[in-house]
C-alpha cells in the first residue's frame, strides 16, 4: 500500500471522532472557546514535533509560498469557526455531511486548477459523493 493511502486512512479515522467530541464538549462551552482550546492543543503539539525534528520556522517567514499558507490559515480559521458553530446548533449527522462537501469542491479545484486527469470514474465518484451528502443531509 502506498504510504499516502495509509496516512489518509489513519487521518480519516482520527478525524471521524472530532465532530462527536466537539458536539459533546460544546454542551456547556461556546463554539469559539472549543475552537480555541482544540486548536491550542494542535498548535502546541505541532510545535513540539518541529522541535523534535530540529526544524526552524524562521526561514519560512520569507518563503515565496508563505502568503499561500497565510491565506489558507485565514480560510481554515473561518471554516473551523463556522463548522464548530454549526455543530453547536445542529445535529452531527446533518452538519458533518454538508461540511464534507469540501471534499467535492477540493476535488473539483484539483481537476480544474491543477489540471489533474479527468476521468469518467473520478466524475462519477464526485457525483455520487454529492448524492450521498444530499441524502445524509435531508
N, C-alpha and C. Protein backbone atom coordinates (compact mmCIF):
# COMPACT_ATOMS: atom_id res chain seq x y z
N UNK A 1 0.84 -1.18 0.00
CA UNK A 1 0.00 0.00 0.00
C UNK A 1 0.88 1.24 0.00
N UNK A 2 0.51 2.19 -0.80
CA UNK A 2 1.26 3.45 -0.82
C UNK A 2 1.11 4.16 0.52
N UNK A 3 2.19 4.80 0.94
CA UNK A 3 2.20 5.44 2.25
C UNK A 3 1.11 6.48 2.39
N UNK A 4 0.84 7.26 1.35
CA UNK A 4 -0.17 8.31 1.47
C UNK A 4 -1.57 7.74 1.67
N UNK A 5 -1.82 6.53 1.19
CA UNK A 5 -3.13 5.91 1.40
C UNK A 5 -3.29 5.52 2.87
N UNK A 6 -2.27 4.91 3.43
CA UNK A 6 -2.30 4.55 4.85
C UNK A 6 -2.46 5.77 5.75
N UNK A 7 -1.71 6.82 5.44
CA UNK A 7 -1.82 8.05 6.22
C UNK A 7 -3.21 8.67 6.07
N UNK A 8 -3.75 8.62 4.86
CA UNK A 8 -5.09 9.15 4.62
C UNK A 8 -6.14 8.40 5.44
N UNK A 9 -6.01 7.07 5.46
CA UNK A 9 -6.96 6.26 6.23
C UNK A 9 -6.84 6.54 7.73
N UNK A 10 -5.60 6.66 8.20
CA UNK A 10 -5.38 6.96 9.62
C UNK A 10 -5.97 8.33 9.98
N UNK A 11 -5.72 9.32 9.12
CA UNK A 11 -6.26 10.66 9.41
C UNK A 11 -7.77 10.65 9.36
N UNK A 12 -8.35 9.86 8.45
CA UNK A 12 -9.81 9.74 8.38
C UNK A 12 -10.36 9.17 9.69
N UNK A 13 -9.74 8.12 10.18
CA UNK A 13 -10.21 7.51 11.42
C UNK A 13 -10.09 8.48 12.60
N UNK A 14 -8.96 9.17 12.68
CA UNK A 14 -8.77 10.13 13.77
C UNK A 14 -9.78 11.27 13.66
N UNK A 15 -9.94 11.81 12.45
CA UNK A 15 -10.82 12.96 12.27
C UNK A 15 -12.28 12.59 12.41
N UNK A 16 -12.61 11.31 12.23
CA UNK A 16 -14.00 10.87 12.36
C UNK A 16 -14.55 11.07 13.77
N UNK A 17 -13.67 11.10 14.74
CA UNK A 17 -14.12 11.29 16.13
C UNK A 17 -14.18 12.75 16.53
N UNK A 18 -13.68 13.64 15.69
CA UNK A 18 -13.63 15.06 16.03
C UNK A 18 -15.03 15.65 16.22
N UNK A 19 -15.90 15.48 15.24
CA UNK A 19 -17.23 16.09 15.32
C UNK A 19 -18.04 15.61 16.53
N UNK A 20 -18.08 14.30 16.80
CA UNK A 20 -18.81 13.89 18.00
C UNK A 20 -18.22 14.46 19.28
N UNK A 21 -16.88 14.50 19.37
CA UNK A 21 -16.26 15.07 20.57
C UNK A 21 -16.52 16.56 20.70
N UNK A 22 -16.50 17.27 19.58
CA UNK A 22 -16.81 18.70 19.60
C UNK A 22 -18.24 18.90 20.08
N UNK A 23 -19.15 18.11 19.55
CA UNK A 23 -20.55 18.23 19.91
C UNK A 23 -20.76 18.02 21.41
N UNK A 24 -20.08 17.02 21.97
CA UNK A 24 -20.18 16.77 23.41
C UNK A 24 -19.59 17.93 24.20
N UNK A 25 -18.42 18.41 23.78
CA UNK A 25 -17.73 19.49 24.52
C UNK A 25 -18.55 20.76 24.53
N UNK A 26 -19.27 21.02 23.46
CA UNK A 26 -20.00 22.29 23.36
C UNK A 26 -21.35 22.26 24.05
N UNK A 27 -21.64 21.20 24.79
CA UNK A 27 -22.88 21.16 25.56
C UNK A 27 -22.92 22.29 26.58
N UNK A 28 -21.76 22.67 27.09
CA UNK A 28 -21.72 23.78 28.05
C UNK A 28 -20.50 24.68 27.82
N UNK A 29 -20.14 24.83 26.54
CA UNK A 29 -19.00 25.67 26.17
C UNK A 29 -19.31 26.32 24.83
N UNK A 30 -18.86 27.55 24.64
CA UNK A 30 -19.11 28.23 23.37
C UNK A 30 -18.29 27.59 22.25
N UNK A 31 -18.79 27.69 21.04
CA UNK A 31 -18.07 27.13 19.90
C UNK A 31 -16.72 27.82 19.70
N UNK A 32 -16.67 29.12 19.97
CA UNK A 32 -15.41 29.86 19.82
C UNK A 32 -14.36 29.35 20.80
N UNK A 33 -14.77 29.07 22.04
CA UNK A 33 -13.84 28.54 23.03
C UNK A 33 -13.39 27.14 22.63
N UNK A 34 -14.31 26.35 22.07
CA UNK A 34 -13.95 25.00 21.63
C UNK A 34 -12.92 25.05 20.51
N UNK A 35 -13.07 25.99 19.58
CA UNK A 35 -12.08 26.15 18.51
C UNK A 35 -10.73 26.52 19.12
N UNK A 36 -10.75 27.48 20.03
CA UNK A 36 -9.51 27.95 20.64
C UNK A 36 -8.79 26.83 21.38
N UNK A 37 -9.51 26.11 22.24
CA UNK A 37 -8.85 25.08 23.04
C UNK A 37 -8.36 23.91 22.19
N UNK A 38 -9.19 23.44 21.27
CA UNK A 38 -8.77 22.29 20.46
C UNK A 38 -7.61 22.65 19.55
N UNK A 39 -7.61 23.85 19.01
CA UNK A 39 -6.51 24.23 18.13
C UNK A 39 -5.27 24.65 18.90
N UNK A 40 -5.42 25.03 20.16
CA UNK A 40 -4.25 25.28 21.01
C UNK A 40 -3.48 23.98 21.22
N UNK A 41 -4.22 22.89 21.42
CA UNK A 41 -3.58 21.58 21.55
C UNK A 41 -2.81 21.25 20.28
N UNK A 42 -3.45 21.50 19.12
CA UNK A 42 -2.79 21.23 17.85
C UNK A 42 -1.54 22.09 17.69
N UNK A 43 -1.64 23.37 18.00
CA UNK A 43 -0.51 24.30 17.86
C UNK A 43 0.68 23.85 18.72
N UNK A 44 0.42 23.51 19.97
CA UNK A 44 1.49 23.08 20.87
C UNK A 44 2.08 21.76 20.39
N UNK A 45 1.23 20.84 19.98
CA UNK A 45 1.72 19.54 19.52
C UNK A 45 2.59 19.67 18.28
N UNK A 46 2.14 20.46 17.31
CA UNK A 46 2.94 20.65 16.10
C UNK A 46 4.24 21.37 16.44
N UNK A 47 4.20 22.31 17.37
CA UNK A 47 5.42 22.98 17.83
C UNK A 47 6.41 21.99 18.41
N UNK A 48 5.92 21.05 19.21
CA UNK A 48 6.79 20.03 19.79
C UNK A 48 7.37 19.11 18.71
N UNK A 49 6.59 18.80 17.70
CA UNK A 49 7.09 17.97 16.59
C UNK A 49 8.20 18.72 15.84
N UNK A 50 8.01 20.02 15.63
CA UNK A 50 9.05 20.82 14.96
C UNK A 50 10.34 20.82 15.77
N UNK A 51 10.22 21.00 17.08
CA UNK A 51 11.41 20.98 17.95
C UNK A 51 12.06 19.60 17.90
N UNK A 52 11.27 18.56 18.00
CA UNK A 52 11.80 17.20 17.97
C UNK A 52 12.56 16.92 16.67
N UNK A 53 12.03 17.40 15.57
CA UNK A 53 12.67 17.17 14.27
C UNK A 53 13.78 18.18 13.97
N UNK A 54 13.99 19.13 14.86
CA UNK A 54 15.05 20.12 14.67
C UNK A 54 14.77 21.10 13.54
N UNK A 55 13.50 21.39 13.29
CA UNK A 55 13.12 22.30 12.21
C UNK A 55 12.91 23.71 12.75
N UNK A 56 13.39 24.68 12.01
CA UNK A 56 13.22 26.08 12.39
C UNK A 56 12.15 26.72 11.50
N UNK A 57 11.29 27.49 12.10
CA UNK A 57 10.23 28.19 11.36
C UNK A 57 10.79 29.45 10.69
N UNK A 58 11.79 30.03 11.27
CA UNK A 58 12.32 31.33 10.83
C UNK A 58 12.57 31.44 9.32
N UNK A 59 13.21 30.45 8.66
CA UNK A 59 13.48 30.60 7.22
C UNK A 59 12.20 30.69 6.38
N UNK A 60 11.11 30.21 6.92
CA UNK A 60 9.87 30.18 6.15
C UNK A 60 9.08 31.48 6.22
N UNK A 61 9.49 32.39 7.08
CA UNK A 61 8.80 33.68 7.14
C UNK A 61 8.94 34.45 5.83
N UNK A 62 10.02 34.20 5.11
CA UNK A 62 10.26 34.90 3.84
C UNK A 62 10.13 33.97 2.63
N UNK A 63 9.63 32.80 2.84
CA UNK A 63 9.48 31.83 1.76
C UNK A 63 8.41 32.33 0.78
N UNK A 64 8.61 32.14 -0.54
CA UNK A 64 7.65 32.64 -1.52
C UNK A 64 6.25 32.02 -1.39
N UNK A 65 6.13 30.87 -0.76
CA UNK A 65 4.82 30.22 -0.61
C UNK A 65 4.13 30.57 0.71
N UNK A 66 4.80 31.30 1.57
CA UNK A 66 4.21 31.66 2.85
C UNK A 66 2.89 32.43 2.71
N UNK A 67 2.75 33.36 1.76
CA UNK A 67 1.44 34.01 1.61
C UNK A 67 0.30 33.02 1.34
N UNK A 68 0.60 31.94 0.63
CA UNK A 68 -0.43 30.92 0.40
C UNK A 68 -0.85 30.28 1.72
N UNK A 69 0.13 30.02 2.57
CA UNK A 69 -0.18 29.41 3.87
C UNK A 69 -0.94 30.37 4.77
N UNK A 70 -0.62 31.64 4.69
CA UNK A 70 -1.35 32.63 5.48
C UNK A 70 -2.80 32.71 5.00
N UNK A 71 -3.00 32.74 3.70
CA UNK A 71 -4.37 32.75 3.15
C UNK A 71 -5.11 31.48 3.58
N UNK A 72 -4.42 30.35 3.51
CA UNK A 72 -5.03 29.10 3.94
C UNK A 72 -5.38 29.15 5.42
N UNK A 73 -4.52 29.75 6.23
CA UNK A 73 -4.80 29.88 7.66
C UNK A 73 -6.04 30.71 7.93
N UNK A 74 -6.21 31.78 7.16
CA UNK A 74 -7.41 32.62 7.31
C UNK A 74 -8.65 31.80 6.94
N UNK A 75 -8.59 31.09 5.81
CA UNK A 75 -9.72 30.28 5.38
C UNK A 75 -10.00 29.15 6.36
N UNK A 76 -8.96 28.53 6.88
CA UNK A 76 -9.13 27.46 7.86
C UNK A 76 -9.80 28.00 9.12
N UNK A 77 -9.39 29.18 9.56
CA UNK A 77 -9.99 29.79 10.74
C UNK A 77 -11.47 30.05 10.52
N UNK A 78 -11.81 30.63 9.39
CA UNK A 78 -13.22 30.90 9.08
C UNK A 78 -13.99 29.58 9.02
N UNK A 79 -13.41 28.59 8.33
CA UNK A 79 -14.06 27.30 8.21
C UNK A 79 -14.29 26.62 9.55
N UNK A 80 -13.28 26.64 10.42
CA UNK A 80 -13.43 25.99 11.72
C UNK A 80 -14.39 26.72 12.63
N UNK A 81 -14.34 28.05 12.64
CA UNK A 81 -15.28 28.81 13.48
C UNK A 81 -16.72 28.53 13.07
N UNK A 82 -16.97 28.51 11.77
CA UNK A 82 -18.34 28.28 11.31
C UNK A 82 -18.75 26.81 11.46
N UNK A 83 -17.81 25.89 11.26
CA UNK A 83 -18.10 24.47 11.43
C UNK A 83 -18.45 24.15 12.88
N UNK A 84 -17.66 24.62 13.81
CA UNK A 84 -17.92 24.37 15.22
C UNK A 84 -19.26 25.01 15.62
N UNK A 85 -19.53 26.21 15.12
CA UNK A 85 -20.81 26.87 15.44
C UNK A 85 -21.97 26.06 14.89
N UNK A 86 -21.83 25.56 13.66
CA UNK A 86 -22.88 24.73 13.08
C UNK A 86 -23.10 23.47 13.92
N UNK A 87 -22.01 22.87 14.42
CA UNK A 87 -22.14 21.69 15.27
C UNK A 87 -22.79 22.03 16.60
N UNK A 88 -22.58 23.25 17.08
CA UNK A 88 -23.23 23.67 18.33
C UNK A 88 -24.73 23.85 18.13
N UNK A 89 -25.14 24.20 16.92
CA UNK A 89 -26.55 24.50 16.65
C UNK A 89 -27.33 23.33 16.06
N UNK A 90 -26.65 22.41 15.38
CA UNK A 90 -27.37 21.36 14.67
C UNK A 90 -26.82 19.99 14.93
N UNK A 91 -27.52 18.97 14.43
CA UNK A 91 -27.08 17.58 14.65
C UNK A 91 -25.84 17.22 13.83
N UNK A 92 -24.98 16.44 14.43
CA UNK A 92 -23.74 15.98 13.78
C UNK A 92 -24.07 15.28 12.46
N UNK A 93 -25.14 14.50 12.44
CA UNK A 93 -25.49 13.70 11.26
C UNK A 93 -25.89 14.55 10.06
N UNK A 94 -26.19 15.82 10.28
CA UNK A 94 -26.51 16.71 9.16
C UNK A 94 -25.36 17.67 8.88
N UNK A 95 -24.77 18.23 9.94
CA UNK A 95 -23.69 19.21 9.76
C UNK A 95 -22.47 18.59 9.09
N UNK A 96 -22.06 17.40 9.53
CA UNK A 96 -20.83 16.80 9.00
C UNK A 96 -20.92 16.49 7.51
N UNK A 97 -22.02 15.91 7.01
CA UNK A 97 -22.07 15.69 5.56
C UNK A 97 -22.04 16.98 4.74
N UNK A 98 -22.73 18.02 5.23
CA UNK A 98 -22.69 19.29 4.50
C UNK A 98 -21.27 19.84 4.51
N UNK A 99 -20.64 19.82 5.67
CA UNK A 99 -19.24 20.25 5.78
C UNK A 99 -18.36 19.43 4.86
N UNK A 100 -18.70 18.14 4.73
CA UNK A 100 -17.93 17.22 3.89
C UNK A 100 -17.95 17.56 2.42
N UNK A 101 -18.80 18.49 2.01
CA UNK A 101 -18.79 18.92 0.62
C UNK A 101 -17.45 19.54 0.23
N UNK A 102 -16.65 19.92 1.24
CA UNK A 102 -15.33 20.47 0.92
C UNK A 102 -14.51 19.45 0.13
N UNK A 103 -14.79 18.17 0.34
CA UNK A 103 -14.08 17.12 -0.40
C UNK A 103 -14.41 17.22 -1.88
N UNK A 104 -15.68 17.40 -2.18
CA UNK A 104 -16.12 17.52 -3.58
C UNK A 104 -15.52 18.78 -4.20
N UNK A 105 -15.62 19.89 -3.49
CA UNK A 105 -15.12 21.16 -4.02
C UNK A 105 -13.61 21.11 -4.21
N UNK A 106 -12.90 20.56 -3.22
CA UNK A 106 -11.44 20.43 -3.35
C UNK A 106 -11.07 19.54 -4.52
N UNK A 107 -11.82 18.47 -4.72
CA UNK A 107 -11.56 17.57 -5.86
C UNK A 107 -11.75 18.30 -7.18
N UNK A 108 -12.81 19.08 -7.27
CA UNK A 108 -13.07 19.84 -8.50
C UNK A 108 -11.97 20.88 -8.74
N UNK A 109 -11.53 21.53 -7.67
CA UNK A 109 -10.44 22.50 -7.80
C UNK A 109 -9.18 21.80 -8.30
N UNK A 110 -8.91 20.61 -7.76
CA UNK A 110 -7.74 19.85 -8.20
C UNK A 110 -7.81 19.52 -9.69
N UNK A 111 -8.99 19.15 -10.14
CA UNK A 111 -9.16 18.81 -11.55
C UNK A 111 -9.03 20.03 -12.45
N UNK A 112 -9.60 21.15 -12.02
CA UNK A 112 -9.64 22.34 -12.87
C UNK A 112 -8.35 23.16 -12.75
N UNK A 113 -7.98 23.52 -11.54
CA UNK A 113 -6.85 24.43 -11.33
C UNK A 113 -5.51 23.74 -11.54
N UNK A 114 -5.38 22.51 -11.08
CA UNK A 114 -4.10 21.82 -11.16
C UNK A 114 -4.02 20.89 -12.36
N UNK A 115 -5.01 20.97 -13.20
CA UNK A 115 -5.02 20.22 -14.46
C UNK A 115 -4.78 18.73 -14.23
N UNK A 116 -5.41 18.20 -13.19
CA UNK A 116 -5.31 16.78 -12.94
C UNK A 116 -6.15 16.03 -13.96
N UNK A 117 -5.86 14.79 -14.17
CA UNK A 117 -6.55 13.98 -15.17
C UNK A 117 -8.02 13.81 -14.80
N UNK A 118 -8.90 14.15 -15.74
CA UNK A 118 -10.32 13.97 -15.54
C UNK A 118 -10.71 12.64 -16.19
N UNK A 119 -11.32 11.78 -15.39
CA UNK A 119 -11.79 10.51 -15.91
C UNK A 119 -13.27 10.36 -15.57
N UNK A 120 -13.93 9.50 -16.30
CA UNK A 120 -15.35 9.23 -16.01
C UNK A 120 -15.49 8.69 -14.59
N UNK A 121 -14.54 7.90 -14.17
CA UNK A 121 -14.58 7.33 -12.81
C UNK A 121 -14.50 8.43 -11.74
N UNK A 122 -13.59 9.38 -11.93
CA UNK A 122 -13.48 10.48 -10.96
C UNK A 122 -14.74 11.32 -10.94
N UNK A 123 -15.29 11.64 -12.11
CA UNK A 123 -16.52 12.43 -12.18
C UNK A 123 -17.69 11.68 -11.54
N UNK A 124 -17.76 10.37 -11.77
CA UNK A 124 -18.82 9.56 -11.15
C UNK A 124 -18.67 9.57 -9.63
N UNK A 125 -17.44 9.45 -9.15
CA UNK A 125 -17.19 9.46 -7.71
C UNK A 125 -17.59 10.79 -7.09
N UNK A 126 -17.27 11.88 -7.75
CA UNK A 126 -17.65 13.19 -7.25
C UNK A 126 -19.17 13.32 -7.25
N UNK A 127 -19.81 12.89 -8.33
CA UNK A 127 -21.27 12.95 -8.42
C UNK A 127 -21.94 12.11 -7.34
N UNK A 128 -21.45 10.90 -7.14
CA UNK A 128 -22.02 10.03 -6.11
C UNK A 128 -21.77 10.59 -4.71
N UNK A 129 -20.64 11.26 -4.52
CA UNK A 129 -20.37 11.91 -3.24
C UNK A 129 -21.41 12.98 -2.95
N UNK A 130 -21.73 13.76 -3.97
CA UNK A 130 -22.75 14.81 -3.80
C UNK A 130 -24.09 14.18 -3.46
N UNK A 131 -24.45 13.12 -4.17
CA UNK A 131 -25.72 12.43 -3.90
C UNK A 131 -25.74 11.91 -2.46
N UNK A 132 -24.65 11.29 -2.03
CA UNK A 132 -24.57 10.75 -0.67
C UNK A 132 -24.72 11.87 0.37
N UNK A 133 -24.06 12.97 0.15
CA UNK A 133 -24.13 14.09 1.09
C UNK A 133 -25.53 14.66 1.14
N UNK A 134 -26.16 14.81 0.00
CA UNK A 134 -27.54 15.32 -0.04
C UNK A 134 -28.46 14.36 0.70
N UNK A 135 -28.33 13.07 0.44
CA UNK A 135 -29.18 12.08 1.13
C UNK A 135 -28.97 12.08 2.63
N UNK A 136 -27.74 12.28 3.08
CA UNK A 136 -27.45 12.32 4.52
C UNK A 136 -27.99 13.58 5.19
N UNK A 137 -28.11 14.65 4.42
CA UNK A 137 -28.42 15.95 4.99
C UNK A 137 -29.90 16.30 5.03
N UNK A 138 -30.72 15.55 4.34
CA UNK A 138 -32.15 15.90 4.31
C UNK A 138 -32.98 14.98 5.17
